[in-house]
C-alpha atoms as a PDB file:
ATOM      1  CA  MET A   1       4.043  -9.812   6.327  1.00  0.00           C
ATOM      2  CA  ALA A   2       3.777 -13.561   6.372  1.00  0.00           C
ATOM      3  CA  ASN A   3       6.924 -14.316   4.376  1.00  0.00           C
ATOM      4  CA  THR A   4      10.062 -14.081   6.531  1.00  0.00           C
ATOM      5  CA  SER A   5      12.260 -13.201   3.539  1.00  0.00           C
ATOM      6  CA  SER A   6       9.906 -10.384   2.586  1.00  0.00           C
ATOM      7  CA  HIS A   7       9.809  -9.068   6.151  1.00  0.00           C
ATOM      8  CA  LYS A   8      13.601  -9.051   6.421  1.00  0.00           C
ATOM      9  CA  PHE A   9      13.901  -7.326   3.041  1.00  0.00           C
ATOM     10  CA  VAL A  10      11.471  -4.577   4.070  1.00  0.00           C
ATOM     11  CA  GLU A  11      13.183  -3.984   7.429  1.00  0.00           C
ATOM     12  CA  SER A  12      16.608  -3.916   5.821  1.00  0.00           C
ATOM     13  CA  THR A  13      15.523  -1.539   3.055  1.00  0.00           C
ATOM     14  CA  ILE A  14      13.852   0.915   5.420  1.00  0.00           C
ATOM     15  CA  LEU A  15      16.939   0.913   7.661  1.00  0.00           C
ATOM     16  CA  LYS A  16      19.173   1.679   4.671  1.00  0.00           C
ATOM     17  CA  ILE A  17      16.858   4.499   3.547  1.00  0.00           C
ATOM     18  CA  VAL A  18      17.084   6.124   6.964  1.00  0.00           C
ATOM     19  CA  GLN A  19      20.859   5.617   7.190  1.00  0.00           C
ATOM     20  CA  LEU A  20      21.375   7.300   3.819  1.00  0.00           C
ATOM     21  CA  GLY A  21      19.388  10.423   4.751  1.00  0.00           C
ATOM     22  CA  GLY A  22      15.854   9.481   3.770  1.00  0.00           C
ATOM     23  CA  THR A  23      12.849  10.173   5.964  1.00  0.00           C
ATOM     24  CA  LEU A  24       9.880   8.025   6.919  1.00  0.00           C
ATOM     25  CA  ALA A  25       6.202   8.853   6.494  1.00  0.00           C
ATOM     26  CA  ASP A  26       3.876   8.539   9.459  1.00  0.00           C
ATOM     27  CA  ASP A  27       1.393   5.654   9.695  1.00  0.00           C
ATOM     28  CA  ALA A  28      -1.564   7.789   8.549  1.00  0.00           C
ATOM     29  CA  THR A  29       0.280   8.798   5.375  1.00  0.00           C
ATOM     30  CA  PHE A  30       1.244   5.198   4.681  1.00  0.00           C
ATOM     31  CA  GLU A  31      -2.384   4.118   5.103  1.00  0.00           C
ATOM     32  CA  LYS A  32      -3.589   6.831   2.660  1.00  0.00           C
ATOM     33  CA  ARG A  33      -0.970   5.794   0.143  1.00  0.00           C
ATOM     34  CA  SER A  34      -1.933   2.136   0.551  1.00  0.00           C
ATOM     35  CA  GLU A  35      -5.567   2.949  -0.209  1.00  0.00           C
ATOM     36  CA  VAL A  36      -4.595   4.906  -3.323  1.00  0.00           C
ATOM     37  CA  CYS A  37      -2.232   2.194  -4.560  1.00  0.00           C
ATOM     38  CA  ARG A  38      -4.584  -0.713  -3.973  1.00  0.00           C
ATOM     39  CA  GLN A  39      -7.231   1.004  -6.136  1.00  0.00           C
ATOM     40  CA  CYS A  40      -4.780   1.661  -8.976  1.00  0.00           C
ATOM     41  CA  PRO A  41      -4.773  -0.665 -12.015  1.00  0.00           C
ATOM     42  CA  ASN A  42      -0.949  -0.554 -11.890  1.00  0.00           C
ATOM     43  CA  PHE A  43      -0.822  -2.154  -8.430  1.00  0.00           C
ATOM     44  CA  GLY A  44       0.306  -5.758  -8.496  1.00  0.00           C
ATOM     45  CA  LYS A  45       3.163  -8.118  -7.925  1.00  0.00           C
ATOM     46  CA  VAL A  46       6.730  -6.824  -8.064  1.00  0.00           C
ATOM     47  CA  TYR A  47       9.886  -8.843  -7.658  1.00  0.00           C
ATOM     48  CA  ILE A  48      12.942  -7.708  -5.746  1.00  0.00           C
ATOM     49  CA  LEU A  49      15.881 -10.123  -5.609  1.00  0.00           C
ATOM     50  CA  GLY A  50      13.458 -12.946  -6.434  1.00  0.00           C
ATOM     51  CA  ILE A  51      11.067 -12.013  -3.629  1.00  0.00           C
ATOM     52  CA  GLU A  52       7.447 -11.443  -4.666  1.00  0.00           C
ATOM     53  CA  LEU A  53       5.890  -8.364  -3.031  1.00  0.00           C
ATOM     54  CA  GLU A  54       2.881  -6.132  -3.632  1.00  0.00           C
ATOM     55  CA  GLY A  55       3.752  -2.844  -5.248  1.00  0.00           C
ATOM     56  CA  CYS A  56       3.788  -0.529  -8.231  1.00  0.00           C
ATOM     57  CA  THR A  57       4.182  -2.221 -11.590  1.00  0.00           C
ATOM     58  CA  ILE A  58       5.209   1.127 -13.128  1.00  0.00           C
ATOM     59  CA  CYS A  59       8.318   1.747 -11.028  1.00  0.00           C
ATOM     60  CA  GLY A  60       8.709  -1.751  -9.554  1.00  0.00           C
ATOM     61  CA  CYS A  61       8.831  -0.515  -5.954  1.00  0.00           C
ATOM     62  CA  PRO A  62       7.195  -2.480  -3.138  1.00  0.00           C
ATOM     63  CA  LEU A  63       4.442  -0.576  -1.336  1.00  0.00           C
ATOM     64  CA  GLU A  64       5.916  -1.586   2.033  1.00  0.00           C
ATOM     65  CA  THR A  65       9.129   0.303   1.301  1.00  0.00           C
ATOM     66  CA  LYS A  66       8.353   3.204  -1.032  1.00  0.00           C
ATOM     67  CA  GLY A  67       4.973   3.880   0.577  1.00  0.00           C
ATOM     68  CA  ARG A  68       6.606   4.295   3.985  1.00  0.00           C
ATOM     69  CA  THR A  69       9.070   6.997   2.950  1.00  0.00           C
ATOM     70  CA  ASN A  70       8.819  10.739   2.362  1.00  0.00           C
ATOM     71  CA  SER A  71      12.288  10.775   0.826  1.00  0.00           C
ATOM     72  CA  PHE A  72      14.978   8.250   0.006  1.00  0.00           C
ATOM     73  CA  PHE A  73      18.518   8.032  -1.306  1.00  0.00           C
ATOM     74  CA  SER A  74      18.429   7.359  -5.040  1.00  0.00           C
ATOM     75  CA  LEU A  75      21.389   5.328  -6.226  1.00  0.00           C
ATOM     76  CA  THR A  76      20.760   6.415  -9.815  1.00  0.00           C
ATOM     77  CA  ARG A  77      20.639  10.132  -8.924  1.00  0.00           C
ATOM     78  CA  GLY A  78      23.217   9.966  -6.154  1.00  0.00           C
ATOM     79  CA  ARG A  79      21.168  12.073  -3.754  1.00  0.00           C
ATOM     80  CA  VAL A  80      18.107  12.091  -1.506  1.00  0.00           C
ATOM     81  CA  ILE A  81      14.883  12.704  -3.444  1.00  0.00           C
ATOM     82  CA  ASP A  82      11.247  13.134  -2.437  1.00  0.00           C
ATOM     83  CA  THR A  83       9.052  10.073  -2.729  1.00  0.00           C
ATOM     84  CA  THR A  84       6.292  10.401  -5.327  1.00  0.00           C
ATOM     85  CA  CYS A  85       3.810   8.194  -7.113  1.00  0.00           C
ATOM     86  CA  PRO A  86       5.012   7.546 -10.689  1.00  0.00           C
ATOM     87  CA  HIS A  87       1.530   7.307 -12.261  1.00  0.00           C
ATOM     88  CA  PRO A  88       1.555   8.636 -15.853  1.00  0.00           C
ATOM     89  CA  ASP A  89      -1.401  10.920 -15.045  1.00  0.00           C
ATOM     90  CA  GLY A  90       0.508  12.518 -12.164  1.00  0.00           C
ATOM     91  CA  ASP A  91       1.406  11.919  -8.541  1.00  0.00           C
ATOM     92  CA  LYS A  92      -1.584  10.180  -6.922  1.00  0.00           C
ATOM     93  CA  TRP A  93       0.069  10.719  -3.515  1.00  0.00           C
ATOM     94  CA  ASN A  94      -0.087  14.477  -3.884  1.00  0.00           C
ATOM     95  CA  PHE A  95      -1.313  15.123  -0.355  1.00  0.00           C
ATOM     96  CA  LYS A  96       0.504  16.445   2.700  1.00  0.00           C
ATOM     97  CA  THR A  97       2.870  13.958   4.357  1.00  0.00           C
ATOM     98  CA  THR A  98       4.292  14.048   7.848  1.00  0.00           C
ATOM     99  CA  LYS A  99       7.906  13.233   8.674  1.00  0.00           C
ATOM    100  CA  GLU A 100       8.816  11.186  11.749  1.00  0.00           C
END
């Protein structure tokens, strides 16, 4: 990522996900997800703490964070949940993922 603030945000978020019990997807899974997302009409700019990132305009998650996880700690649910695509037609990431 070119923007230093964006890079620090992504690193910090991924570290927190792992610390709270989430798991990361492998690079191949992230690449597949990136391809799916970039072809989706709901892919665009999202804003986290005033930082502009590319991501899902449905859920507001940056691709660089959500796309890199298989599971993450949900503050709203208070537990670790599986990462899914929120597309209204169903999970577009519904393919096998690998945990690291």
